[in-house]
Amino acid sequence: RFFDYWTLKEAYIKARGMGLAIPLDHFSYHLENPAAIRISFDRQLPDNPARWQFSLTTLRGRHRIATAIERKPGEGPITIEMIETVPFER
């Protein structure tokens, strides 16, 4: 679970473009439903949870990946698809 929370927090602060200028204790995640990860904010961090969509996945059984996508008002869920490719070699 540690890596789930860590990668999600990293995804959010990178999506906001502010990095560690956003205190990590000013927001938290709710992972009861992995298909609908929710975020909540401290009063000191003004943001709207409804504008964010998050996902977690594992790549090749070893690497935990989190995404944070900012949605436009009224926009429905965004589908993320990962496709494995073969590196091009000469």
N, C-alpha and C. Protein backbone atom coordinates (compact mmCIF):
# COMPACT_ATOMS: atom_id res chain seq x y z
N ARG A 1 0.82 -1.20 0.00
CA ARG A 1 0.00 0.00 0.00
C ARG A 1 0.86 1.26 0.00
N PHE A 2 2.01 1.19 0.64
CA PHE A 2 2.89 2.37 0.69
C PHE A 2 3.16 2.89 -0.72
N PHE A 3 3.52 2.00 -1.65
CA PHE A 3 3.85 2.42 -3.00
C PHE A 3 2.62 2.95 -3.75
N ASP A 4 1.45 2.44 -3.43
CA ASP A 4 0.22 2.98 -4.02
C ASP A 4 0.06 4.44 -3.64
N TYR A 5 0.12 4.71 -2.34
CA TYR A 5 -0.04 6.08 -1.87
C TYR A 5 1.08 6.98 -2.38
N TRP A 6 2.29 6.48 -2.33
CA TRP A 6 3.44 7.30 -2.74
C TRP A 6 3.33 7.68 -4.23
N THR A 7 3.05 6.73 -5.09
CA THR A 7 2.98 7.04 -6.52
C THR A 7 1.79 7.93 -6.85
N LEU A 8 0.67 7.75 -6.14
CA LEU A 8 -0.48 8.63 -6.35
C LEU A 8 -0.16 10.07 -5.92
N LYS A 9 0.49 10.21 -4.77
CA LYS A 9 0.85 11.56 -4.32
C LYS A 9 1.80 12.22 -5.31
N GLU A 10 2.76 11.46 -5.79
CA GLU A 10 3.71 11.98 -6.77
C GLU A 10 3.00 12.38 -8.07
N ALA A 11 2.06 11.57 -8.52
CA ALA A 11 1.31 11.87 -9.74
C ALA A 11 0.54 13.18 -9.60
N TYR A 12 -0.10 13.39 -8.45
CA TYR A 12 -0.89 14.61 -8.24
C TYR A 12 -0.01 15.85 -8.22
N ILE A 13 1.08 15.84 -7.45
CA ILE A 13 1.90 17.05 -7.36
C ILE A 13 2.58 17.36 -8.70
N LYS A 14 2.87 16.34 -9.49
CA LYS A 14 3.43 16.56 -10.82
C LYS A 14 2.36 17.09 -11.78
N ALA A 15 1.14 16.57 -11.68
CA ALA A 15 0.05 17.04 -12.53
C ALA A 15 -0.26 18.51 -12.26
N ARG A 16 -0.15 18.91 -11.02
CA ARG A 16 -0.36 20.32 -10.66
C ARG A 16 0.82 21.19 -11.07
N GLY A 17 1.98 20.58 -11.35
CA GLY A 17 3.15 21.34 -11.78
C GLY A 17 3.83 22.09 -10.65
N MET A 18 3.59 21.67 -9.42
CA MET A 18 4.13 22.39 -8.27
C MET A 18 5.10 21.56 -7.45
N GLY A 19 5.20 20.29 -7.75
CA GLY A 19 6.13 19.43 -7.02
C GLY A 19 5.93 19.51 -5.52
N LEU A 20 7.02 19.47 -4.79
CA LEU A 20 6.95 19.44 -3.32
C LEU A 20 6.59 20.78 -2.70
N ALA A 21 6.24 21.78 -3.52
CA ALA A 21 5.68 23.01 -2.98
C ALA A 21 4.29 22.74 -2.39
N ILE A 22 3.68 21.63 -2.81
CA ILE A 22 2.42 21.19 -2.22
C ILE A 22 2.76 20.24 -1.08
N PRO A 23 2.43 20.61 0.15
CA PRO A 23 2.72 19.72 1.27
C PRO A 23 1.98 18.39 1.13
N LEU A 24 2.69 17.30 1.28
CA LEU A 24 2.11 15.98 1.08
C LEU A 24 1.05 15.63 2.11
N ASP A 25 1.04 16.31 3.24
CA ASP A 25 0.01 16.03 4.25
C ASP A 25 -1.25 16.88 4.06
N HIS A 26 -1.33 17.63 2.95
CA HIS A 26 -2.50 18.46 2.67
C HIS A 26 -3.53 17.76 1.78
N PHE A 27 -3.26 16.52 1.40
CA PHE A 27 -4.24 15.77 0.62
C PHE A 27 -4.06 14.29 0.91
N SER A 28 -5.14 13.53 0.72
CA SER A 28 -5.08 12.09 0.98
C SER A 28 -5.98 11.36 -0.01
N TYR A 29 -5.74 10.08 -0.12
CA TYR A 29 -6.47 9.24 -1.07
C TYR A 29 -7.35 8.25 -0.33
N HIS A 30 -8.40 7.83 -1.02
CA HIS A 30 -9.32 6.83 -0.52
C HIS A 30 -9.33 5.71 -1.55
N LEU A 31 -8.82 4.54 -1.16
CA LEU A 31 -8.60 3.45 -2.11
C LEU A 31 -9.57 2.28 -1.93
N GLU A 32 -10.72 2.53 -1.32
CA GLU A 32 -11.68 1.45 -1.10
C GLU A 32 -12.08 0.80 -2.42
N ASN A 33 -12.23 1.60 -3.46
CA ASN A 33 -12.63 1.11 -4.77
C ASN A 33 -11.51 1.44 -5.76
N PRO A 34 -10.68 0.46 -6.12
CA PRO A 34 -9.55 0.73 -7.02
C PRO A 34 -9.97 1.29 -8.38
N ALA A 35 -11.20 1.04 -8.78
CA ALA A 35 -11.68 1.56 -10.07
C ALA A 35 -12.11 3.03 -9.96
N ALA A 36 -12.27 3.53 -8.75
CA ALA A 36 -12.70 4.92 -8.55
C ALA A 36 -11.93 5.52 -7.36
N ILE A 37 -10.64 5.73 -7.55
CA ILE A 37 -9.80 6.29 -6.49
C ILE A 37 -10.21 7.74 -6.25
N ARG A 38 -10.42 8.08 -4.99
CA ARG A 38 -10.84 9.44 -4.63
C ARG A 38 -9.72 10.15 -3.89
N ILE A 39 -9.75 11.49 -3.96
CA ILE A 39 -8.80 12.33 -3.25
C ILE A 39 -9.59 13.30 -2.39
N SER A 40 -9.02 13.68 -1.25
CA SER A 40 -9.62 14.74 -0.43
C SER A 40 -8.51 15.71 -0.04
N PHE A 41 -8.92 16.95 0.20
CA PHE A 41 -7.96 18.02 0.44
C PHE A 41 -8.16 18.67 1.80
N ASP A 42 -7.06 19.07 2.39
CA ASP A 42 -7.06 19.89 3.60
C ASP A 42 -7.61 21.27 3.21
N ARG A 43 -8.18 21.99 4.16
CA ARG A 43 -8.69 23.33 3.89
C ARG A 43 -7.61 24.26 3.33
N GLN A 44 -6.36 24.00 3.69
CA GLN A 44 -5.26 24.87 3.27
C GLN A 44 -4.86 24.65 1.80
N LEU A 45 -5.40 23.62 1.18
CA LEU A 45 -5.09 23.32 -0.22
C LEU A 45 -6.39 23.38 -1.03
N PRO A 46 -6.70 24.56 -1.57
CA PRO A 46 -7.96 24.69 -2.31
C PRO A 46 -7.89 23.96 -3.65
N ASP A 47 -8.72 22.95 -3.80
CA ASP A 47 -8.83 22.20 -5.04
C ASP A 47 -10.16 21.46 -5.01
N ASN A 48 -10.62 21.05 -6.15
CA ASN A 48 -11.90 20.36 -6.27
C ASN A 48 -11.65 18.89 -6.59
N PRO A 49 -11.97 17.98 -5.70
CA PRO A 49 -11.73 16.55 -5.95
C PRO A 49 -12.43 16.03 -7.21
N ALA A 50 -13.55 16.63 -7.58
CA ALA A 50 -14.31 16.16 -8.74
C ALA A 50 -13.57 16.37 -10.05
N ARG A 51 -12.59 17.24 -10.07
CA ARG A 51 -11.88 17.50 -11.33
C ARG A 51 -10.72 16.55 -11.59
N TRP A 52 -10.49 15.61 -10.68
CA TRP A 52 -9.35 14.70 -10.81
C TRP A 52 -9.79 13.25 -10.98
N GLN A 53 -9.06 12.56 -11.85
CA GLN A 53 -9.25 11.12 -12.04
C GLN A 53 -7.89 10.46 -11.84
N PHE A 54 -7.88 9.37 -11.07
CA PHE A 54 -6.63 8.68 -10.75
C PHE A 54 -6.71 7.22 -11.14
N SER A 55 -5.56 6.65 -11.44
CA SER A 55 -5.51 5.22 -11.69
C SER A 55 -4.18 4.67 -11.19
N LEU A 56 -4.19 3.39 -10.87
CA LEU A 56 -3.00 2.66 -10.45
C LEU A 56 -2.89 1.40 -11.29
N THR A 57 -1.68 1.07 -11.68
CA THR A 57 -1.44 -0.18 -12.40
C THR A 57 -0.02 -0.65 -12.13
N THR A 58 0.24 -1.88 -12.47
CA THR A 58 1.57 -2.45 -12.30
C THR A 58 2.09 -2.83 -13.68
N LEU A 59 3.32 -2.44 -13.96
CA LEU A 59 3.95 -2.74 -15.23
C LEU A 59 4.95 -3.87 -15.04
N ARG A 60 4.76 -4.94 -15.80
CA ARG A 60 5.63 -6.11 -15.77
C ARG A 60 5.78 -6.72 -14.37
N GLY A 61 4.75 -6.55 -13.55
CA GLY A 61 4.75 -7.18 -12.24
C GLY A 61 5.69 -6.55 -11.22
N ARG A 62 6.40 -5.50 -11.60
CA ARG A 62 7.39 -4.93 -10.68
C ARG A 62 7.26 -3.44 -10.44
N HIS A 63 6.76 -2.70 -11.40
CA HIS A 63 6.76 -1.24 -11.33
C HIS A 63 5.34 -0.71 -11.14
N ARG A 64 5.13 0.04 -10.07
CA ARG A 64 3.82 0.62 -9.77
C ARG A 64 3.71 1.96 -10.49
N ILE A 65 2.62 2.15 -11.22
CA ILE A 65 2.41 3.37 -11.99
C ILE A 65 1.10 4.01 -11.56
N ALA A 66 1.13 5.32 -11.33
CA ALA A 66 -0.08 6.06 -11.00
C ALA A 66 -0.24 7.20 -12.01
N THR A 67 -1.49 7.49 -12.34
CA THR A 67 -1.77 8.64 -13.19
C THR A 67 -2.74 9.57 -12.47
N ALA A 68 -2.56 10.86 -12.71
CA ALA A 68 -3.47 11.89 -12.21
C ALA A 68 -3.88 12.71 -13.43
N ILE A 69 -5.16 12.70 -13.75
CA ILE A 69 -5.65 13.40 -14.92
C ILE A 69 -6.65 14.45 -14.48
N GLU A 70 -6.40 15.68 -14.90
CA GLU A 70 -7.33 16.77 -14.60
C GLU A 70 -8.41 16.78 -15.68
N ARG A 71 -9.66 16.67 -15.25
CA ARG A 71 -10.77 16.66 -16.19
C ARG A 71 -11.44 18.03 -16.23
N LYS A 72 -12.03 18.32 -17.37
CA LYS A 72 -12.80 19.55 -17.52
C LYS A 72 -14.14 19.38 -16.82
N PRO A 73 -14.76 20.47 -16.37
CA PRO A 73 -16.07 20.35 -15.71
C PRO A 73 -17.08 19.64 -16.60
N GLY A 74 -17.77 18.67 -16.03
CA GLY A 74 -18.79 17.92 -16.75
C GLY A 74 -18.26 16.80 -17.61
N GLU A 75 -16.94 16.69 -17.70
CA GLU A 75 -16.35 15.64 -18.52
C GLU A 75 -16.42 14.31 -17.78
N GLY A 76 -16.76 13.25 -18.49
CA GLY A 76 -16.85 11.93 -17.89
C GLY A 76 -15.48 11.32 -17.70
N PRO A 77 -15.45 10.08 -17.23
CA PRO A 77 -14.18 9.39 -17.02
C PRO A 77 -13.38 9.26 -18.32
N ILE A 78 -12.08 9.33 -18.20
CA ILE A 78 -11.17 9.19 -19.32
C ILE A 78 -10.60 7.78 -19.27
N THR A 79 -10.57 7.11 -20.41
CA THR A 79 -10.04 5.75 -20.49
C THR A 79 -8.55 5.81 -20.78
N ILE A 80 -7.79 5.05 -20.03
CA ILE A 80 -6.34 4.96 -20.23
C ILE A 80 -6.03 3.55 -20.71
N GLU A 81 -5.28 3.47 -21.79
CA GLU A 81 -4.92 2.18 -22.34
C GLU A 81 -3.39 2.12 -22.47
N MET A 82 -2.79 1.06 -21.94
CA MET A 82 -1.35 0.87 -22.04
C MET A 82 -1.09 -0.21 -23.08
N ILE A 83 -0.18 0.08 -23.98
CA ILE A 83 0.17 -0.88 -25.02
C ILE A 83 1.67 -1.13 -24.95
N GLU A 84 2.03 -2.39 -24.88
CA GLU A 84 3.45 -2.74 -24.85
C GLU A 84 3.98 -2.76 -26.28
N THR A 85 5.13 -2.15 -26.48
CA THR A 85 5.73 -2.13 -27.80
C THR A 85 7.12 -2.76 -27.74
N VAL A 86 7.60 -3.14 -28.89
CA VAL A 86 8.94 -3.73 -29.00
C VAL A 86 9.89 -2.62 -29.44
N PRO A 87 11.01 -2.44 -28.75
CA PRO A 87 11.95 -1.38 -29.15
C PRO A 87 12.47 -1.63 -30.57
N PHE A 88 12.63 -0.55 -31.29
CA PHE A 88 13.17 -0.62 -32.65
C PHE A 88 14.67 -0.79 -32.58
N GLU A 89 15.19 -1.78 -33.29
CA GLU A 89 16.64 -2.01 -33.33
C GLU A 89 17.10 -1.99 -34.77
N ARG A 90 18.30 -1.44 -34.97
CA ARG A 90 18.87 -1.42 -36.33
C ARG A 90 19.73 -2.63 -36.54
